[in-house]
Amino acid sequence: MAGAGIKAIKTRMNSVESTKQITKAMELVASSKLRKAKDKAESTRPYFSTLYDSVKDIAQNTRGVKDDFLKQREVKNKCYIVVAGDRGLAGGYNSNVLKSTVAHMDNKQEKVITIGKKANEFFSKRGYDVVNSMPSVEDCGYNESLEVAQSAMDLYKKGEVDEVYMVYTKFLSPLVQEVKLVKVLPLVFDNNETIKDTKKEDSVRKPRVQYLPSAEAVLSYIIPKYVSGTVYGGVIESFASEQGARRTAMESATDNANEMLSKLELSYNRARQSAVTQEITEIVGGVEALK
């Protein structure tokens, strides 16, 4: 019986050791990808911030400016651009994005554009109207993001959807990621953003800008770039977040494997000690019986 117990513990130790090697390898891969994705996310943020500020400035400070993407209309249907991961083993990364999306929906069978294998699997299996899909977040570059943005804009122009939202995960740090749900269309800006210190208002007020050939022409050119830039920025942030979440999850799994191995090793040594003691007892008993 003791031998069988020792064998079972040894088998369990070998299994945990194999799992530990896998989780450690995945942790190292995620760490390598995270460094590159983090640098890319941080370097692209100023570009998208400038795009946002430009569109906002034209929309708020130019009188009579008109554009289809600025018009508010009755919301009958929505479209969601959802960015999830290509793979699992990333803690709650994928589930957090998908749950946040479903929670915001009105159960009207909204149209969905998915980026990433997990997002496509989730919405396809549940019968949602997936109008476009990018199979991989890692391989989704600016051209692919432009295609996604164009799909959403076409749906909006045709009146098939009245609002477009994007759901992604913002990278805050390797340990912290935050699910973000932002309205992409129609473009909405807070007109209440005013300078609180009225004494300084005149000194910091921006000079009036003249847009040629017109503000509408500039907007029609820059809005598609803004929408595609928003999609691309969300993809980059999400990929960095996925690697951060996976690295944290695999690091935790490796630590748990080490802790489990320590306990199994202790049990193994106790079982061996018990088996040796039993053998000595049997030998002593046999010798006594021969006397």
Protein backbone atom coordinates (compact mmCIF):
# COMPACT_ATOMS: atom_id res chain seq x y z
CA MET A 1 0.00 0.00 0.00
CA ALA A 2 2.82 2.38 0.90
CA GLY A 3 4.53 1.72 -2.44
CA ALA A 4 1.32 2.51 -4.30
CA GLY A 5 0.97 5.79 -2.39
CA ILE A 6 4.55 6.80 -3.19
CA LYS A 7 4.03 6.03 -6.88
CA ALA A 8 0.84 8.11 -7.02
CA ILE A 9 2.57 11.09 -5.40
CA LYS A 10 5.53 10.79 -7.78
CA THR A 11 3.17 10.70 -10.77
CA ARG A 12 1.38 13.77 -9.47
CA MET A 13 4.70 15.58 -9.00
CA ASN A 14 5.74 14.82 -12.58
CA SER A 15 2.39 16.13 -13.86
CA VAL A 16 2.68 19.39 -11.90
CA GLU A 17 6.28 19.83 -13.03
CA SER A 18 5.21 19.49 -16.68
CA THR A 19 2.46 22.04 -16.17
CA LYS A 20 4.90 24.39 -14.49
CA GLN A 21 7.24 24.24 -17.47
CA ILE A 22 4.37 25.20 -19.80
CA THR A 23 3.15 28.11 -17.65
CA LYS A 24 6.72 29.40 -17.22
CA ALA A 25 7.31 29.29 -20.96
CA MET A 26 4.01 31.12 -21.63
CA GLU A 27 4.94 33.72 -19.01
CA LEU A 28 8.25 34.40 -20.76
CA VAL A 29 6.58 34.66 -24.19
CA ALA A 30 3.93 37.04 -22.83
CA SER A 31 6.62 39.17 -21.17
CA SER A 32 8.51 39.47 -24.44
CA LYS A 33 5.39 40.46 -26.39
CA LEU A 34 4.30 42.81 -23.61
CA ARG A 35 7.45 44.92 -23.84
CA LYS A 36 6.96 45.53 -27.56
CA ALA A 37 3.19 46.07 -27.26
CA LYS A 38 3.60 48.52 -24.36
CA ASP A 39 6.09 50.64 -26.31
CA LYS A 40 3.81 50.64 -29.34
CA ALA A 41 0.77 51.65 -27.30
CA GLU A 42 2.58 54.51 -25.61
CA SER A 43 4.09 55.80 -28.87
CA THR A 44 0.76 55.88 -30.75
CA ARG A 45 -1.35 57.63 -28.10
CA PRO A 46 -0.25 61.18 -29.03
CA TYR A 47 -1.33 60.63 -32.66
CA PHE A 48 -4.85 59.58 -31.73
CA SER A 49 -5.14 62.33 -29.14
CA THR A 50 -4.25 64.89 -31.80
CA LEU A 51 -6.86 63.45 -34.17
CA TYR A 52 -9.51 63.67 -31.45
CA ASP A 53 -8.60 67.25 -30.57
CA SER A 54 -8.67 68.30 -34.23
CA VAL A 55 -12.13 66.87 -34.89
CA LYS A 56 -13.43 68.26 -31.63
CA ASP A 57 -12.03 71.72 -32.38
CA ILE A 58 -13.69 71.89 -35.80
CA ALA A 59 -17.02 70.56 -34.53
CA GLN A 60 -17.23 72.88 -31.53
CA ASN A 61 -15.66 76.08 -32.81
CA THR A 62 -16.97 76.29 -36.37
CA ARG A 63 -20.49 77.61 -36.73
CA GLY A 64 -22.92 75.80 -38.98
CA VAL A 65 -20.64 72.86 -39.62
CA LYS A 66 -22.59 69.85 -40.88
CA ASP A 67 -21.63 66.24 -41.31
CA ASP A 68 -23.60 62.98 -41.28
CA PHE A 69 -21.40 61.61 -38.53
CA LEU A 70 -22.26 64.54 -36.24
CA LYS A 71 -26.04 64.15 -36.47
CA GLN A 72 -27.92 62.72 -33.50
CA ARG A 73 -30.88 60.53 -34.42
CA GLU A 74 -33.31 58.15 -32.79
CA VAL A 75 -31.50 55.00 -31.73
CA LYS A 76 -33.17 51.93 -33.14
CA ASN A 77 -30.15 49.69 -33.51
CA LYS A 78 -26.49 49.69 -32.53
CA CYS A 79 -23.23 48.24 -33.73
CA TYR A 80 -20.44 47.10 -31.43
CA ILE A 81 -16.80 46.74 -32.42
CA VAL A 82 -15.48 44.26 -29.86
CA VAL A 83 -11.80 43.50 -29.32
CA ALA A 84 -11.02 40.34 -27.34
CA GLY A 85 -8.07 37.95 -27.32
CA ASP A 86 -6.83 35.36 -29.77
CA ARG A 87 -6.26 32.81 -27.01
CA GLY A 88 -7.31 32.08 -23.45
CA LEU A 89 -5.19 31.58 -20.31
CA ALA A 90 -5.26 35.32 -19.60
CA GLY A 91 -7.27 35.44 -16.39
CA GLY A 92 -10.50 37.41 -16.76
CA TYR A 93 -9.30 39.43 -19.75
CA ASN A 94 -11.67 37.97 -22.36
CA SER A 95 -14.68 37.47 -20.10
CA ASN A 96 -14.53 41.05 -18.82
CA VAL A 97 -14.71 42.49 -22.35
CA LEU A 98 -17.52 40.18 -23.48
CA LYS A 99 -19.61 40.66 -20.33
CA SER A 100 -19.28 44.44 -20.53
CA THR A 101 -20.47 44.38 -24.15
CA VAL A 102 -23.51 42.20 -23.48
CA ALA A 103 -24.43 44.27 -20.42
CA HIS A 104 -24.58 47.43 -22.56
CA MET A 105 -26.74 45.88 -25.27
CA ASP A 106 -30.53 46.30 -25.37
CA ASN A 107 -31.22 42.74 -26.53
CA LYS A 108 -32.22 43.96 -29.99
CA GLN A 109 -29.85 41.61 -31.80
CA GLU A 110 -27.35 44.40 -32.38
CA LYS A 111 -24.80 44.09 -35.12
CA VAL A 112 -21.30 43.10 -34.03
CA ILE A 113 -17.88 43.47 -35.59
CA THR A 114 -15.37 41.24 -33.86
CA ILE A 115 -11.60 41.49 -33.63
CA GLY A 116 -9.93 38.41 -32.17
CA LYS A 117 -10.82 34.73 -32.16
CA LYS A 118 -12.49 34.74 -28.73
CA ALA A 119 -14.87 37.58 -29.60
CA ASN A 120 -15.92 35.90 -32.85
CA GLU A 121 -16.52 32.55 -31.14
CA PHE A 122 -18.58 34.14 -28.36
CA PHE A 123 -20.97 36.16 -30.52
CA SER A 124 -21.24 33.66 -33.38
CA LYS A 125 -22.27 30.80 -31.07
CA ARG A 126 -24.94 32.99 -29.45
CA GLY A 127 -26.60 33.98 -32.68
CA TYR A 128 -25.58 37.63 -32.88
CA ASP A 129 -25.38 39.33 -36.26
CA VAL A 130 -21.61 39.36 -36.85
CA VAL A 131 -21.24 41.58 -39.92
CA ASN A 132 -17.44 41.53 -40.10
CA SER A 133 -14.63 39.78 -38.28
CA MET A 134 -10.87 40.00 -37.94
CA PRO A 135 -9.55 36.62 -36.77
CA SER A 136 -6.43 37.90 -34.99
CA VAL A 137 -5.69 40.89 -32.78
CA GLU A 138 -1.95 40.41 -33.16
CA ASP A 139 -2.21 40.51 -36.96
CA CYS A 140 -4.69 43.40 -37.05
CA GLY A 141 -2.69 46.35 -38.40
CA TYR A 142 -3.81 49.77 -39.54
CA ASN A 143 -5.17 48.51 -42.89
CA GLU A 144 -7.30 45.89 -41.14
CA SER A 145 -8.49 48.51 -38.63
CA LEU A 146 -9.41 50.77 -41.55
CA GLU A 147 -11.52 47.95 -43.02
CA VAL A 148 -13.33 47.50 -39.69
CA ALA A 149 -13.92 51.23 -39.39
CA GLN A 150 -15.20 51.44 -42.97
CA SER A 151 -17.67 48.61 -42.28
CA ALA A 152 -19.04 50.47 -39.26
CA MET A 153 -19.24 53.79 -41.13
CA ASP A 154 -21.05 52.17 -44.07
CA LEU A 155 -23.65 50.69 -41.70
CA TYR A 156 -24.11 54.10 -40.12
CA LYS A 157 -24.44 55.93 -43.44
CA LYS A 158 -27.01 53.42 -44.71
CA GLY A 159 -29.07 53.88 -41.55
CA GLU A 160 -28.76 50.23 -40.56
CA VAL A 161 -27.34 51.34 -37.21
CA ASP A 162 -27.76 54.60 -35.34
CA GLU A 163 -24.85 54.30 -32.93
CA VAL A 164 -21.46 52.61 -33.08
CA TYR A 165 -19.58 51.63 -29.96
CA MET A 166 -16.14 50.16 -29.46
CA VAL A 167 -15.28 47.87 -26.57
CA TYR A 168 -11.63 47.27 -25.82
CA THR A 169 -9.23 47.00 -22.89
CA LYS A 170 -7.06 49.98 -22.05
CA PHE A 171 -3.52 49.20 -20.92
CA LEU A 172 -2.73 51.05 -17.69
CA SER A 173 0.14 48.92 -16.39
CA PRO A 174 1.34 45.30 -16.67
CA LEU A 175 -0.85 44.52 -13.65
CA VAL A 176 -3.84 46.76 -14.37
CA GLN A 177 -6.08 46.77 -17.45
CA GLU A 178 -9.46 48.49 -17.76
CA VAL A 179 -12.35 47.66 -20.07
CA LYS A 180 -13.44 50.75 -22.01
CA LEU A 181 -16.70 51.22 -23.90
CA VAL A 182 -16.64 54.35 -26.07
CA LYS A 183 -19.12 55.78 -28.56
CA VAL A 184 -17.47 56.06 -31.96
CA LEU A 185 -20.47 57.33 -33.96
CA PRO A 186 -22.11 59.75 -33.98
CA LEU A 187 -19.31 61.97 -32.75
CA VAL A 188 -20.28 63.59 -29.48
CA PHE A 189 -18.25 66.24 -27.70
CA ASP A 190 -18.87 67.88 -24.36
CA ASN A 191 -19.79 71.48 -25.05
CA ASN A 192 -19.53 72.22 -21.35
CA GLU A 193 -15.75 71.97 -21.42
CA THR A 194 -14.97 75.58 -20.54
CA ILE A 195 -12.11 77.32 -18.82
CA LYS A 196 -12.98 77.76 -15.17
CA ASP A 197 -10.70 80.74 -14.57
CA THR A 198 -12.50 83.44 -16.57
CA LYS A 199 -9.75 85.97 -15.87
CA LYS A 200 -7.34 83.85 -17.88
CA GLU A 201 -9.82 82.93 -20.60
CA ASP A 202 -8.83 85.69 -23.00
CA SER A 203 -5.13 84.97 -22.63
CA VAL A 204 -5.45 81.25 -23.43
CA ARG A 205 -8.25 81.43 -25.97
CA LYS A 206 -7.26 79.80 -29.26
CA PRO A 207 -7.15 82.00 -32.35
CA ARG A 208 -9.92 81.52 -34.87
CA VAL A 209 -8.92 79.01 -37.53
CA GLN A 210 -10.07 79.15 -41.13
CA TYR A 211 -10.45 75.79 -42.82
CA LEU A 212 -10.00 75.50 -46.57
CA PRO A 213 -11.79 74.73 -48.74
CA SER A 214 -14.37 74.48 -45.90
CA ALA A 215 -14.81 73.07 -42.41
CA GLU A 216 -17.16 70.41 -43.84
CA ALA A 217 -14.52 69.30 -46.36
CA VAL A 218 -11.87 69.05 -43.67
CA LEU A 219 -14.24 67.09 -41.44
CA SER A 220 -15.24 64.68 -44.23
CA TYR A 221 -11.53 63.98 -44.74
CA ILE A 222 -10.45 63.70 -41.11
CA ILE A 223 -13.41 61.86 -39.54
CA PRO A 224 -12.75 58.52 -41.35
CA LYS A 225 -9.14 58.77 -40.21
CA TYR A 226 -10.31 59.52 -36.68
CA VAL A 227 -12.66 56.50 -36.63
CA SER A 228 -10.05 54.13 -38.08
CA GLY A 229 -7.47 55.60 -35.72
CA THR A 230 -9.77 54.96 -32.77
CA VAL A 231 -10.19 51.33 -33.84
CA TYR A 232 -6.46 50.88 -34.36
CA GLY A 233 -5.66 52.49 -31.03
CA GLY A 234 -8.12 50.17 -29.28
CA VAL A 235 -6.52 47.15 -30.95
CA ILE A 236 -3.04 48.17 -29.81
CA GLU A 237 -4.21 48.86 -26.26
CA SER A 238 -6.06 45.55 -26.15
CA PHE A 239 -3.10 43.50 -27.38
CA ALA A 240 -0.84 45.03 -24.74
CA SER A 241 -3.53 44.39 -22.11
CA GLU A 242 -3.90 40.76 -23.20
CA GLN A 243 -0.16 40.14 -22.83
CA GLY A 244 -0.12 41.83 -19.43
CA ALA A 245 -3.09 39.77 -18.23
CA ARG A 246 -1.59 36.53 -19.58
CA ARG A 247 1.81 37.21 -18.01
CA THR A 248 0.17 37.86 -14.64
CA ALA A 249 -2.00 34.74 -14.92
CA MET A 250 0.91 32.51 -15.94
CA GLU A 251 3.15 33.95 -13.23
CA SER A 252 0.46 33.15 -10.66
CA ALA A 253 0.03 29.64 -12.11
CA THR A 254 3.80 29.04 -11.91
CA ASP A 255 3.88 30.21 -8.28
CA ASN A 256 0.97 27.89 -7.47
CA ALA A 257 2.78 24.99 -9.15
CA ASN A 258 5.89 25.65 -7.06
CA GLU A 259 3.79 25.72 -3.90
CA MET A 260 2.06 22.49 -4.89
CA LEU A 261 5.38 20.82 -5.64
CA SER A 262 6.68 21.78 -2.20
CA LYS A 263 3.67 20.18 -0.54
CA LEU A 264 3.89 17.07 -2.73
CA GLU A 265 7.60 16.72 -2.00
CA LEU A 266 6.89 16.86 1.71
CA SER A 267 4.18 14.22 1.33
CA TYR A 268 6.52 12.11 -0.79
CA ASN A 269 9.28 12.22 1.83
CA ARG A 270 6.83 11.32 4.59
CA ALA A 271 5.49 8.40 2.55
CA ARG A 272 9.04 7.14 1.90
CA GLN A 273 9.92 7.49 5.54
CA SER A 274 6.78 5.59 6.51
CA ALA A 275 7.58 2.85 4.00
CA VAL A 276 11.14 2.48 5.32
CA THR A 277 9.89 2.35 8.90
CA GLN A 278 7.35 -0.31 7.94
CA GLU A 279 10.03 -2.42 6.24
CA ILE A 280 12.31 -2.20 9.30
CA THR A 281 9.41 -3.18 11.54
CA GLU A 282 8.64 -6.18 9.34
CA ILE A 283 12.29 -7.27 9.32
CA VAL A 284 12.56 -6.96 13.12
CA GLY A 285 9.30 -8.88 13.48
CA GLY A 286 10.57 -11.65 11.22
CA VAL A 287 13.82 -11.93 13.15
CA GLU A 288 11.94 -12.16 16.44
CA ALA A 289 9.72 -14.89 15.00
CA LEU A 290 12.75 -17.02 14.10
CA LYS A 291 14.11 -16.98 17.61
